[in-house]
Amino acid sequence: MHDGTAAPHVPTPGPARWRVLAVLLATLFMMMVSVNIVNVLLPSVQHGLGATQADLQWVLAGYALSFGVLLVAAGRAGDVYGRGAIFLTGVLLFTLSSVAAGMAVDPLSLNVARAFQGIGAGLINPQIMGMIQHYFRGQERGRAYGSVGMVPGLSVALGPLLGGALIAWLGPDAGWRWSFLINVPVGAVAVVLALRWFPPARCSPARGPVPASWPGAGPRAPVDR
């Protein structure tokens, strides 16, 4: 007997969800490479900025600390304000802080930039998991999560190689700086594609209209185009 309650809408397969996944994976790879590339850069950073051992430890710890502290709050923010909006905020913050890290003039400015990189990554990470959970079902979801699981392994393998190659090619000072600055084109492309491919915001009955300029800023129909 039909009781008048609408059945939940189940997303249907479509190419748009795979485009969304491509943006998520590229952004995740950028974040993970930024973690794994740093160990190779530390001797060059020490020489270029006159950093102490304590300064170098904070290059690693500042990122990890700000990333870990923000994860739970960022997941909740995605539930409330929309995962697309929080994802874009995180990508923008990560990209801008990568510029700041690459242009750092002393150990303090580098460590502050790294802390903001961690904040950006902390905003992004829960949204990746949540958006896959929302847009994929069944075997497709397994494939999407499998793709996410491959990214850390690739970044562990490629991050140090990339950092070493940049230092060998550009020299110690320019090499470590460009190891951060290479995030900028990836982040810029991710923002552009997210604005183009992420589904537009919909009107939320609980909160009223949400500005359409923020993709994913509120509840929306699943990707099915």
Protein backbone atom coordinates (compact mmCIF):
# COMPACT_ATOMS: atom_id res chain seq x y z
CA MET A 1 0.00 0.00 0.00
CA HIS A 2 1.32 3.41 -0.94
CA ASP A 3 1.51 5.64 2.16
CA GLY A 4 2.29 8.86 0.30
CA THR A 5 5.97 8.89 1.30
CA ALA A 6 8.28 9.49 -1.64
CA ALA A 7 10.89 6.81 -2.15
CA PRO A 8 14.47 8.05 -1.99
CA HIS A 9 15.95 8.87 -5.34
CA VAL A 10 18.76 6.53 -6.37
CA PRO A 11 21.32 8.04 -8.76
CA THR A 12 21.44 6.52 -12.21
CA PRO A 13 24.72 5.92 -14.04
CA GLY A 14 25.98 8.77 -16.16
CA PRO A 15 29.24 10.25 -17.43
CA ALA A 16 29.09 13.35 -15.20
CA ARG A 17 29.79 11.39 -12.06
CA TRP A 18 33.06 10.14 -13.55
CA ARG A 19 34.09 13.68 -14.43
CA VAL A 20 33.42 14.67 -10.83
CA LEU A 21 35.52 11.71 -9.68
CA ALA A 22 38.38 12.79 -11.95
CA VAL A 23 38.46 16.22 -10.28
CA LEU A 24 38.38 14.63 -6.84
CA LEU A 25 41.22 12.21 -7.66
CA ALA A 26 43.43 14.90 -9.21
CA THR A 27 42.98 17.06 -6.13
CA LEU A 28 43.69 14.16 -3.78
CA PHE A 29 46.85 13.33 -5.73
CA MET A 30 48.01 16.94 -5.44
CA MET A 31 47.50 16.83 -1.67
CA MET A 32 49.25 13.49 -1.19
CA VAL A 33 52.24 14.43 -3.35
CA SER A 34 52.62 17.57 -1.26
CA VAL A 35 52.96 15.33 1.81
CA ASN A 36 55.42 12.86 0.30
CA ILE A 37 57.59 15.34 -1.56
CA VAL A 38 58.64 17.29 1.53
CA ASN A 39 61.20 14.88 2.97
CA VAL A 40 63.34 15.25 -0.14
CA LEU A 41 63.17 19.04 0.10
CA LEU A 42 64.28 19.50 3.71
CA PRO A 43 68.06 19.73 3.09
CA SER A 44 67.48 22.34 0.37
CA VAL A 45 65.07 24.27 2.58
CA GLN A 46 67.60 24.24 5.41
CA HIS A 47 70.30 25.59 3.11
CA GLY A 48 68.10 28.13 1.34
CA LEU A 49 66.33 29.62 4.36
CA GLY A 50 68.87 28.94 7.08
CA ALA A 51 66.33 26.78 8.91
CA THR A 52 67.09 24.98 12.15
CA GLN A 53 66.19 21.38 12.85
CA ALA A 54 63.18 22.60 14.83
CA ASP A 55 62.03 24.68 11.85
CA LEU A 56 62.31 21.64 9.59
CA GLN A 57 60.27 19.53 11.99
CA TRP A 58 57.50 22.10 11.85
CA VAL A 59 57.49 21.96 8.05
CA LEU A 60 56.22 18.41 8.52
CA ALA A 61 54.30 18.71 11.78
CA GLY A 62 52.47 21.96 11.01
CA TYR A 63 50.79 20.44 7.97
CA ALA A 64 49.91 17.17 9.72
CA LEU A 65 48.58 18.90 12.84
CA SER A 66 46.31 21.40 11.08
CA PHE A 67 45.09 18.66 8.72
CA GLY A 68 44.18 16.25 11.50
CA VAL A 69 42.53 18.79 13.78
CA LEU A 70 40.15 19.98 11.06
CA LEU A 71 38.88 16.68 9.65
CA VAL A 72 35.82 16.13 11.85
CA ALA A 73 34.68 19.75 11.71
CA ALA A 74 35.18 19.84 7.94
CA GLY A 75 33.05 16.73 7.50
CA ARG A 76 30.23 18.34 9.46
CA ALA A 77 30.63 21.60 7.53
CA GLY A 78 30.17 19.64 4.31
CA ASP A 79 26.92 18.19 5.65
CA VAL A 80 25.61 21.64 6.56
CA TYR A 81 26.89 23.95 3.82
CA GLY A 82 27.33 21.52 0.94
CA ARG A 83 30.31 19.42 0.03
CA GLY A 84 31.00 21.24 -3.23
CA ALA A 85 31.32 24.61 -1.48
CA ILE A 86 33.67 23.29 1.20
CA PHE A 87 35.69 21.39 -1.41
CA LEU A 88 36.20 24.54 -3.46
CA THR A 89 37.13 26.54 -0.37
CA GLY A 90 39.72 23.91 0.54
CA VAL A 91 41.21 23.79 -2.97
CA LEU A 92 41.50 27.57 -3.12
CA LEU A 93 43.14 27.72 0.30
CA PHE A 94 45.53 24.88 -0.54
CA THR A 95 46.50 26.51 -3.84
CA LEU A 96 47.08 29.96 -2.36
CA SER A 97 49.10 28.56 0.53
CA SER A 98 51.20 26.61 -1.98
CA VAL A 99 52.07 29.94 -3.59
CA ALA A 100 52.97 31.32 -0.17
CA ALA A 101 55.14 28.28 0.60
CA GLY A 102 56.97 28.57 -2.70
CA MET A 103 57.61 32.28 -2.11
CA ALA A 104 58.61 31.93 1.57
CA VAL A 105 61.43 34.22 2.68
CA ASP A 106 62.16 32.61 6.06
CA PRO A 107 61.32 29.45 8.02
CA LEU A 108 58.39 31.09 9.85
CA SER A 109 56.60 32.12 6.63
CA LEU A 110 57.12 28.63 5.21
CA ASN A 111 55.71 26.96 8.32
CA VAL A 112 52.68 29.26 8.37
CA ALA A 113 52.05 28.46 4.70
CA ARG A 114 52.36 24.74 5.42
CA ALA A 115 49.86 25.03 8.26
CA PHE A 116 47.37 26.65 5.89
CA GLN A 117 48.06 23.93 3.34
CA GLY A 118 47.04 21.45 6.02
CA ILE A 119 43.85 23.38 6.70
CA GLY A 120 43.00 23.32 2.99
CA ALA A 121 43.69 19.59 2.80
CA GLY A 122 41.60 19.03 5.92
CA LEU A 123 38.66 20.79 4.27
CA ILE A 124 39.02 18.78 1.07
CA ASN A 125 39.50 15.24 2.33
CA PRO A 126 36.09 14.56 3.96
CA GLN A 127 34.29 16.02 0.96
CA ILE A 128 35.97 13.53 -1.38
CA MET A 129 34.69 10.59 0.65
CA GLY A 130 31.25 12.13 1.10
CA MET A 131 30.77 12.99 -2.57
CA ILE A 132 31.70 9.48 -3.67
CA GLN A 133 29.26 8.11 -1.12
CA HIS A 134 26.53 10.35 -2.52
CA TYR A 135 27.07 10.02 -6.25
CA PHE A 136 27.94 6.33 -6.58
CA ARG A 137 26.09 3.13 -5.78
CA GLY A 138 26.89 -0.56 -5.79
CA GLN A 139 29.83 -1.69 -7.90
CA GLU A 140 30.42 1.84 -9.15
CA ARG A 141 31.03 2.99 -5.59
CA GLY A 142 33.53 0.18 -5.10
CA ARG A 143 35.38 1.22 -8.23
CA ALA A 144 35.43 4.84 -7.12
CA TYR A 145 36.77 3.99 -3.67
CA GLY A 146 39.31 1.68 -5.26
CA SER A 147 40.56 4.58 -7.36
CA VAL A 148 40.89 6.70 -4.22
CA GLY A 149 42.84 3.91 -2.56
CA MET A 150 45.40 3.88 -5.37
CA VAL A 151 46.30 7.54 -4.99
CA PRO A 152 48.36 7.33 -1.75
CA GLY A 153 50.51 4.56 -3.21
CA LEU A 154 51.17 6.53 -6.38
CA SER A 155 52.02 9.66 -4.41
CA VAL A 156 54.45 7.75 -2.16
CA ALA A 157 56.22 6.46 -5.26
CA LEU A 158 56.15 9.63 -7.36
CA GLY A 159 56.40 12.42 -4.78
CA PRO A 160 60.07 11.93 -3.80
CA LEU A 161 61.03 11.30 -7.44
CA LEU A 162 59.36 14.52 -8.51
CA GLY A 163 60.99 16.53 -5.73
CA GLY A 164 64.42 15.11 -6.52
CA ALA A 165 63.97 15.75 -10.24
CA LEU A 166 63.00 19.39 -9.66
CA ILE A 167 65.98 19.99 -7.38
CA ALA A 168 68.35 18.33 -9.86
CA TRP A 169 66.90 20.31 -12.77
CA LEU A 170 66.41 23.76 -11.21
CA GLY A 171 68.98 23.72 -8.43
CA PRO A 172 68.46 23.45 -4.67
CA ASP A 173 66.80 26.83 -4.03
CA ALA A 174 64.51 27.04 -7.04
CA GLY A 175 63.86 23.29 -6.92
CA TRP A 176 62.26 23.19 -3.47
CA ARG A 177 60.23 26.30 -4.24
CA TRP A 178 58.82 24.83 -7.46
CA SER A 179 58.00 21.64 -5.58
CA PHE A 180 55.29 23.71 -3.88
CA LEU A 181 54.44 25.91 -6.85
CA ILE A 182 53.58 22.94 -9.08
CA ASN A 183 50.40 22.64 -7.01
CA VAL A 184 49.17 25.94 -8.42
CA PRO A 185 48.21 24.83 -11.97
CA VAL A 186 46.64 21.64 -10.62
CA GLY A 187 44.60 23.57 -8.07
CA ALA A 188 43.55 26.20 -10.62
CA VAL A 189 42.37 23.55 -13.09
CA ALA A 190 40.54 21.69 -10.31
CA VAL A 191 38.64 24.87 -9.37
CA VAL A 192 37.69 25.62 -12.98
CA LEU A 193 36.51 22.07 -13.66
CA ALA A 194 34.63 21.86 -10.37
CA LEU A 195 32.76 25.05 -11.22
CA ARG A 196 31.96 23.62 -14.65
CA TRP A 197 31.24 19.97 -13.87
CA PHE A 198 29.93 19.82 -10.33
CA PRO A 199 26.12 19.88 -10.28
CA PRO A 200 24.57 23.28 -9.57
CA ALA A 201 23.16 24.09 -6.14
CA ARG A 202 19.49 23.48 -5.57
CA CYS A 203 16.96 25.11 -3.30
CA SER A 204 16.93 23.63 0.19
CA PRO A 205 13.44 23.63 1.79
CA ALA A 206 15.09 23.79 5.20
CA ARG A 207 17.38 26.71 4.49
CA GLY A 208 15.86 28.41 1.48
CA PRO A 209 17.64 29.18 -1.78
CA VAL A 210 21.40 28.75 -1.89
CA PRO A 211 23.43 30.91 -4.28
CA ALA A 212 24.08 28.99 -7.49
CA SER A 213 27.55 30.52 -7.73
CA TRP A 214 28.72 27.92 -5.20
CA PRO A 215 28.35 24.48 -6.80
CA GLY A 216 27.23 21.97 -4.26
CA ALA A 217 26.33 24.64 -1.71
CA GLY A 218 23.14 22.84 -0.75
CA PRO A 219 21.22 19.60 -1.26
CA ARG A 220 21.03 18.70 -4.92
CA ALA A 221 19.86 16.00 -7.21
CA PRO A 222 22.48 13.30 -7.82
CA VAL A 223 24.54 13.46 -10.98
CA ASP A 224 22.74 11.65 -13.76
CA ARG A 225 23.69 13.38 -16.92
